[in-house]
């Protein structure tokens, strides 16, 4: 957890919080096109369970 500045009021923290949310809403995501594919596998061996997850991510950038 980040250290809290002693002179920073609570309303400043709340304003920063909503500022980050609004920045995410306004951001143009059409530039970052990604294809994400995930694969899950589970295998049981007696009392042991082996889980494997693979994530493939492809990022397409226009130049």
PDB file of N, CA and C in Angstrom:
ATOM      1  N   UNK A   1       0.844  -1.168   0.000  1.00  0.00           N
ATOM      2  CA  UNK A   1       0.000   0.000   0.000  1.00  0.00           C
ATOM      3  C   UNK A   1       0.893   1.236   0.000  1.00  0.00           C
ATOM      4  N   UNK A   2       0.602   2.214  -0.870  1.00  0.00           N
ATOM      5  CA  UNK A   2       1.444   3.397  -0.920  1.00  0.00           C
ATOM      6  C   UNK A   2       1.345   4.211   0.360  1.00  0.00           C
ATOM      7  N   UNK A   3       2.415   4.921   0.642  1.00  0.00           N
ATOM      8  CA  UNK A   3       2.427   5.789   1.812  1.00  0.00           C
ATOM      9  C   UNK A   3       1.528   6.998   1.556  1.00  0.00           C
ATOM     10  N   UNK A   4       0.782   7.375   2.558  1.00  0.00           N
ATOM     11  CA  UNK A   4      -0.117   8.518   2.441  1.00  0.00           C
ATOM     12  C   UNK A   4       0.636   9.786   2.830  1.00  0.00           C
ATOM     13  N   UNK A   5       0.529  10.800   1.991  1.00  0.00           N
ATOM     14  CA  UNK A   5       1.165  12.072   2.293  1.00  0.00           C
ATOM     15  C   UNK A   5       0.400  12.744   3.429  1.00  0.00           C
ATOM     16  N   UNK A   6       1.082  13.297   4.408  1.00  0.00           N
ATOM     17  CA  UNK A   6       0.383  13.854   5.573  1.00  0.00           C
ATOM     18  C   UNK A   6      -0.457  15.091   5.250  1.00  0.00           C
ATOM     19  N   UNK A   7      -0.120  15.877   4.231  1.00  0.00           N
ATOM     20  CA  UNK A   7      -0.850  17.114   3.944  1.00  0.00           C
ATOM     21  C   UNK A   7      -1.903  16.955   2.857  1.00  0.00           C
ATOM     22  N   UNK A   8      -2.120  15.757   2.385  1.00  0.00           N
ATOM     23  CA  UNK A   8      -3.060  15.529   1.293  1.00  0.00           C
ATOM     24  C   UNK A   8      -4.435  15.199   1.880  1.00  0.00           C
ATOM     25  N   UNK A   9      -5.449  16.025   1.611  1.00  0.00           N
ATOM     26  CA  UNK A   9      -6.774  15.769   2.176  1.00  0.00           C
ATOM     27  C   UNK A   9      -7.488  14.608   1.480  1.00  0.00           C
ATOM     28  N   UNK A  10      -8.472  14.083   2.157  1.00  0.00           N
ATOM     29  CA  UNK A  10      -9.244  12.946   1.652  1.00  0.00           C
ATOM     30  C   UNK A  10      -9.922  13.265   0.325  1.00  0.00           C
ATOM     31  N   UNK A  11     -10.443  14.471   0.182  1.00  0.00           N
ATOM     32  CA  UNK A  11     -11.123  14.838  -1.059  1.00  0.00           C
ATOM     33  C   UNK A  11     -10.157  14.809  -2.244  1.00  0.00           C
ATOM     34  N   UNK A  12      -8.888  15.066  -2.018  1.00  0.00           N
ATOM     35  CA  UNK A  12      -7.885  14.990  -3.090  1.00  0.00           C
ATOM     36  C   UNK A  12      -7.752  13.545  -3.564  1.00  0.00           C
ATOM     37  N   UNK A  13      -7.710  12.603  -2.614  1.00  0.00           N
ATOM     38  CA  UNK A  13      -7.632  11.186  -2.971  1.00  0.00           C
ATOM     39  C   UNK A  13      -8.856  10.757  -3.769  1.00  0.00           C
ATOM     40  N   UNK A  14     -10.023  11.212  -3.362  1.00  0.00           N
ATOM     41  CA  UNK A  14     -11.256  10.853  -4.069  1.00  0.00           C
ATOM     42  C   UNK A  14     -11.243  11.440  -5.482  1.00  0.00           C
ATOM     43  N   UNK A  15     -10.775  12.679  -5.626  1.00  0.00           N
ATOM     44  CA  UNK A  15     -10.684  13.305  -6.947  1.00  0.00           C
ATOM     45  C   UNK A  15      -9.721  12.576  -7.859  1.00  0.00           C
ATOM     46  N   UNK A  16      -8.573  12.144  -7.317  1.00  0.00           N
ATOM     47  CA  UNK A  16      -7.609  11.383  -8.117  1.00  0.00           C
ATOM     48  C   UNK A  16      -8.202  10.046  -8.554  1.00  0.00           C
ATOM     49  N   UNK A  17      -8.939   9.410  -7.651  1.00  0.00           N
ATOM     50  CA  UNK A  17      -9.573   8.128  -7.960  1.00  0.00           C
ATOM     51  C   UNK A  17     -10.509   8.262  -9.154  1.00  0.00           C
ATOM     52  N   UNK A  18     -11.423   9.249  -9.092  1.00  0.00           N
ATOM     53  CA  UNK A  18     -12.364   9.437 -10.195  1.00  0.00           C
ATOM     54  C   UNK A  18     -11.670   9.951 -11.453  1.00  0.00           C
ATOM     55  N   UNK A  19     -10.574  10.669 -11.293  1.00  0.00           N
ATOM     56  CA  UNK A  19      -9.799  11.116 -12.438  1.00  0.00           C
ATOM     57  C   UNK A  19      -9.226   9.943 -13.216  1.00  0.00           C
ATOM     58  N   UNK A  20      -8.729   8.937 -12.487  1.00  0.00           N
ATOM     59  CA  UNK A  20      -8.199   7.744 -13.155  1.00  0.00           C
ATOM     60  C   UNK A  20      -9.312   6.990 -13.888  1.00  0.00           C
ATOM     61  N   UNK A  21     -10.478   6.931 -13.285  1.00  0.00           N
ATOM     62  CA  UNK A  21     -11.611   6.250 -13.939  1.00  0.00           C
ATOM     63  C   UNK A  21     -12.007   6.994 -15.214  1.00  0.00           C
ATOM     64  N   UNK A  22     -12.116   8.312 -15.146  1.00  0.00           N
ATOM     65  CA  UNK A  22     -12.482   9.088 -16.333  1.00  0.00           C
ATOM     66  C   UNK A  22     -11.422   8.994 -17.427  1.00  0.00           C
ATOM     67  N   UNK A  23     -10.161   8.936 -17.055  1.00  0.00           N
ATOM     68  CA  UNK A  23      -9.095   8.786 -18.041  1.00  0.00           C
ATOM     69  C   UNK A  23      -9.247   7.464 -18.793  1.00  0.00           C
ATOM     70  N   UNK A  24      -9.610   6.405 -18.067  1.00  0.00           N
ATOM     71  CA  UNK A  24      -9.830   5.111 -18.710  1.00  0.00           C
ATOM     72  C   UNK A  24     -11.030   5.115 -19.632  1.00  0.00           C
ATOM     73  N   UNK A  25     -12.061   5.864 -19.279  1.00  0.00           N
ATOM     74  CA  UNK A  25     -13.261   5.941 -20.119  1.00  0.00           C
ATOM     75  C   UNK A  25     -12.969   6.719 -21.398  1.00  0.00           C
ATOM     76  N   UNK A  26     -12.205   7.799 -21.290  1.00  0.00           N
ATOM     77  CA  UNK A  26     -11.932   8.662 -22.441  1.00  0.00           C
ATOM     78  C   UNK A  26     -10.851   8.130 -23.370  1.00  0.00           C
ATOM     79  N   UNK A  27     -10.072   7.182 -22.920  1.00  0.00           N
ATOM     80  CA  UNK A  27      -8.940   6.686 -23.712  1.00  0.00           C
ATOM     81  C   UNK A  27      -9.420   5.981 -24.974  1.00  0.00           C
ATOM     82  N   UNK A  28      -8.738   6.247 -26.085  1.00  0.00           N
ATOM     83  CA  UNK A  28      -9.075   5.643 -27.370  1.00  0.00           C
ATOM     84  C   UNK A  28      -8.450   4.249 -27.438  1.00  0.00           C
ATOM     85  N   UNK A  29      -9.269   3.226 -27.362  1.00  0.00           N
ATOM     86  CA  UNK A  29      -8.753   1.854 -27.355  1.00  0.00           C
ATOM     87  C   UNK A  29      -8.716   1.239 -28.745  1.00  0.00           C
ATOM     88  N   UNK A  30      -9.182   1.970 -29.751  1.00  0.00           N
ATOM     89  CA  UNK A  30      -9.165   1.416 -31.102  1.00  0.00           C
ATOM     90  C   UNK A  30      -7.737   1.284 -31.622  1.00  0.00           C
ATOM     91  N   UNK A  31      -6.789   2.008 -31.032  1.00  0.00           N
ATOM     92  CA  UNK A  31      -5.402   1.920 -31.462  1.00  0.00           C
ATOM     93  C   UNK A  31      -4.748   0.627 -30.994  1.00  0.00           C
ATOM     94  N   UNK A  32      -5.124   0.158 -29.826  1.00  0.00           N
ATOM     95  CA  UNK A  32      -4.551  -1.073 -29.268  1.00  0.00           C
ATOM     96  C   UNK A  32      -5.497  -2.231 -29.540  1.00  0.00           C
ATOM     97  N   UNK A  33      -5.248  -2.936 -30.624  1.00  0.00           N
ATOM     98  CA  UNK A  33      -6.058  -4.111 -30.933  1.00  0.00           C
ATOM     99  C   UNK A  33      -5.293  -5.339 -30.496  1.00  0.00           C
ATOM    100  N   UNK A  34      -5.913  -6.145 -29.683  1.00  0.00           N
ATOM    101  CA  UNK A  34      -5.255  -7.340 -29.172  1.00  0.00           C
ATOM    102  C   UNK A  34      -6.171  -8.535 -29.325  1.00  0.00           C
ATOM    103  N   UNK A  35      -5.566  -9.651 -29.622  1.00  0.00           N
ATOM    104  CA  UNK A  35      -6.280 -10.916 -29.684  1.00  0.00           C
ATOM    105  C   UNK A  35      -5.732 -11.768 -28.557  1.00  0.00           C
ATOM    106  N   UNK A  36      -6.583 -12.130 -27.643  1.00  0.00           N
ATOM    107  CA  UNK A  36      -6.141 -12.917 -26.498  1.00  0.00           C
ATOM    108  C   UNK A  36      -6.827 -14.275 -26.563  1.00  0.00           C
ATOM    109  N   UNK A  37      -6.027 -15.299 -26.450  1.00  0.00           N
ATOM    110  CA  UNK A  37      -6.532 -16.669 -26.476  1.00  0.00           C
ATOM    111  C   UNK A  37      -5.999 -17.367 -25.236  1.00  0.00           C
ATOM    112  N   UNK A  38      -6.875 -17.999 -24.489  1.00  0.00           N
ATOM    113  CA  UNK A  38      -6.410 -18.710 -23.305  1.00  0.00           C
ATOM    114  C   UNK A  38      -6.858 -20.167 -23.381  1.00  0.00           C
ATOM    115  N   UNK A  39      -6.053 -21.011 -22.795  1.00  0.00           N
ATOM    116  CA  UNK A  39      -6.301 -22.446 -22.821  1.00  0.00           C
ATOM    117  C   UNK A  39      -6.080 -22.983 -21.400  1.00  0.00           C
ATOM    118  N   UNK A  40      -7.066 -23.712 -20.895  1.00  0.00           N
ATOM    119  CA  UNK A  40      -6.979 -24.242 -19.544  1.00  0.00           C
ATOM    120  C   UNK A  40      -6.992 -25.772 -19.598  1.00  0.00           C
ATOM    121  N   UNK A  41      -6.175 -26.364 -18.758  1.00  0.00           N
ATOM    122  CA  UNK A  41      -6.127 -27.816 -18.694  1.00  0.00           C
ATOM    123  C   UNK A  41      -5.999 -28.242 -17.239  1.00  0.00           C
ATOM    124  N   UNK A  42      -6.746 -29.269 -16.856  1.00  0.00           N
ATOM    125  CA  UNK A  42      -6.688 -29.771 -15.491  1.00  0.00           C
ATOM    126  C   UNK A  42      -6.546 -31.288 -15.527  1.00  0.00           C
ATOM    127  N   UNK A  43      -5.645 -31.795 -14.710  1.00  0.00           N
ATOM    128  CA  UNK A  43      -5.375 -33.225 -14.691  1.00  0.00           C
ATOM    129  C   UNK A  43      -5.315 -33.687 -13.234  1.00  0.00           C
ATOM    130  N   UNK A  44      -6.033 -34.775 -12.922  1.00  0.00           N
ATOM    131  CA  UNK A  44      -6.041 -35.306 -11.557  1.00  0.00           C
ATOM    132  C   UNK A  44      -5.236 -36.598 -11.505  1.00  0.00           C
ATOM    133  N   UNK A  45      -4.310 -36.628 -10.555  1.00  0.00           N
ATOM    134  CA  UNK A  45      -3.495 -37.827 -10.326  1.00  0.00           C
ATOM    135  C   UNK A  45      -3.592 -38.193  -8.853  1.00  0.00           C
ATOM    136  N   UNK A  46      -4.500 -39.079  -8.549  1.00  0.00           N
ATOM    137  CA  UNK A  46      -4.691 -39.469  -7.153  1.00  0.00           C
ATOM    138  C   UNK A  46      -5.222 -38.301  -6.342  1.00  0.00           C
ATOM    139  N   UNK A  47      -4.455 -37.881  -5.343  1.00  0.00           N
ATOM    140  CA  UNK A  47      -4.869 -36.750  -4.512  1.00  0.00           C
ATOM    141  C   UNK A  47      -4.294 -35.424  -5.004  1.00  0.00           C
ATOM    142  N   UNK A  48      -3.599 -35.439  -6.127  1.00  0.00           N
ATOM    143  CA  UNK A  48      -2.961 -34.238  -6.672  1.00  0.00           C
ATOM    144  C   UNK A  48      -3.713 -33.746  -7.903  1.00  0.00           C
ATOM    145  N   UNK A  49      -3.898 -32.439  -7.981  1.00  0.00           N
ATOM    146  CA  UNK A  49      -4.540 -31.810  -9.140  1.00  0.00           C
ATOM    147  C   UNK A  49      -3.511 -30.889  -9.795  1.00  0.00           C
ATOM    148  N   UNK A  50      -3.297 -31.093 -11.095  1.00  0.00           N
ATOM    149  CA  UNK A  50      -2.356 -30.269 -11.854  1.00  0.00           C
ATOM    150  C   UNK A  50      -3.170 -29.384 -12.787  1.00  0.00           C
ATOM    151  N   UNK A  51      -2.980 -28.063 -12.659  1.00  0.00           N
ATOM    152  CA  UNK A  51      -3.683 -27.113 -13.525  1.00  0.00           C
ATOM    153  C   UNK A  51      -2.661 -26.342 -14.341  1.00  0.00           C
ATOM    154  N   UNK A  52      -2.984 -26.157 -15.616  1.00  0.00           N
ATOM    155  CA  UNK A  52      -2.106 -25.426 -16.513  1.00  0.00           C
ATOM    156  C   UNK A  52      -2.948 -24.416 -17.296  1.00  0.00           C
ATOM    157  N   UNK A  53      -2.468 -23.187 -17.362  1.00  0.00           N
ATOM    158  CA  UNK A  53      -3.146 -22.141 -18.107  1.00  0.00           C
ATOM    159  C   UNK A  53      -2.146 -21.489 -19.045  1.00  0.00           C
ATOM    160  N   UNK A  54      -2.500 -21.416 -20.312  1.00  0.00           N
ATOM    161  CA  UNK A  54      -1.669 -20.737 -21.299  1.00  0.00           C
ATOM    162  C   UNK A  54      -2.436 -19.547 -21.843  1.00  0.00           C
ATOM    163  N   UNK A  55      -1.748 -18.425 -21.942  1.00  0.00           N
ATOM    164  CA  UNK A  55      -2.368 -17.225 -22.505  1.00  0.00           C
ATOM    165  C   UNK A  55      -1.505 -16.748 -23.656  1.00  0.00           C
ATOM    166  N   UNK A  56      -2.112 -16.640 -24.826  1.00  0.00           N
ATOM    167  CA  UNK A  56      -1.428 -16.108 -26.002  1.00  0.00           C
ATOM    168  C   UNK A  56      -2.028 -14.745 -26.300  1.00  0.00           C
ATOM    169  N   UNK A  57      -1.173 -13.765 -26.478  1.00  0.00           N
ATOM    170  CA  UNK A  57      -1.644 -12.416 -26.735  1.00  0.00           C
ATOM    171  C   UNK A  57      -0.951 -11.882 -27.983  1.00  0.00           C
ATOM    172  N   UNK A  58      -1.749 -11.378 -28.915  1.00  0.00           N
ATOM    173  CA  UNK A  58      -1.223 -10.812 -30.149  1.00  0.00           C
ATOM    174  C   UNK A  58      -1.618  -9.343 -30.175  1.00  0.00           C
ATOM    175  N   UNK A  59      -0.626  -8.478 -30.341  1.00  0.00           N
ATOM    176  CA  UNK A  59      -0.879  -7.042 -30.391  1.00  0.00           C
ATOM    177  C   UNK A  59      -0.606  -6.559 -31.808  1.00  0.00           C
ATOM    178  N   UNK A  60      -1.572  -5.880 -32.405  1.00  0.00           N
ATOM    179  CA  UNK A  60      -1.460  -5.383 -33.776  1.00  0.00           C
ATOM    180  C   UNK A  60      -1.277  -3.866 -33.697  1.00  0.00           C
ATOM    181  N   UNK A  61      -0.179  -3.395 -34.256  1.00  0.00           N
ATOM    182  CA  UNK A  61       0.106  -1.958 -34.260  1.00  0.00           C
ATOM    183  C   UNK A  61       0.145  -1.445 -35.695  1.00  0.00           C
ATOM    184  N   UNK A  62      -0.536  -0.356 -35.942  1.00  0.00           N
ATOM    185  CA  UNK A  62      -0.492   0.299 -37.251  1.00  0.00           C
ATOM    186  C   UNK A  62       0.687   1.260 -37.258  1.00  0.00           C
ATOM    187  N   UNK A  63       1.499   1.188 -38.295  1.00  0.00           N
ATOM    188  CA  UNK A  63       2.661   2.076 -38.364  1.00  0.00           C
ATOM    189  C   UNK A  63       2.513   3.079 -39.470  1.00  0.00           C
TER     190      UNK A  63
END
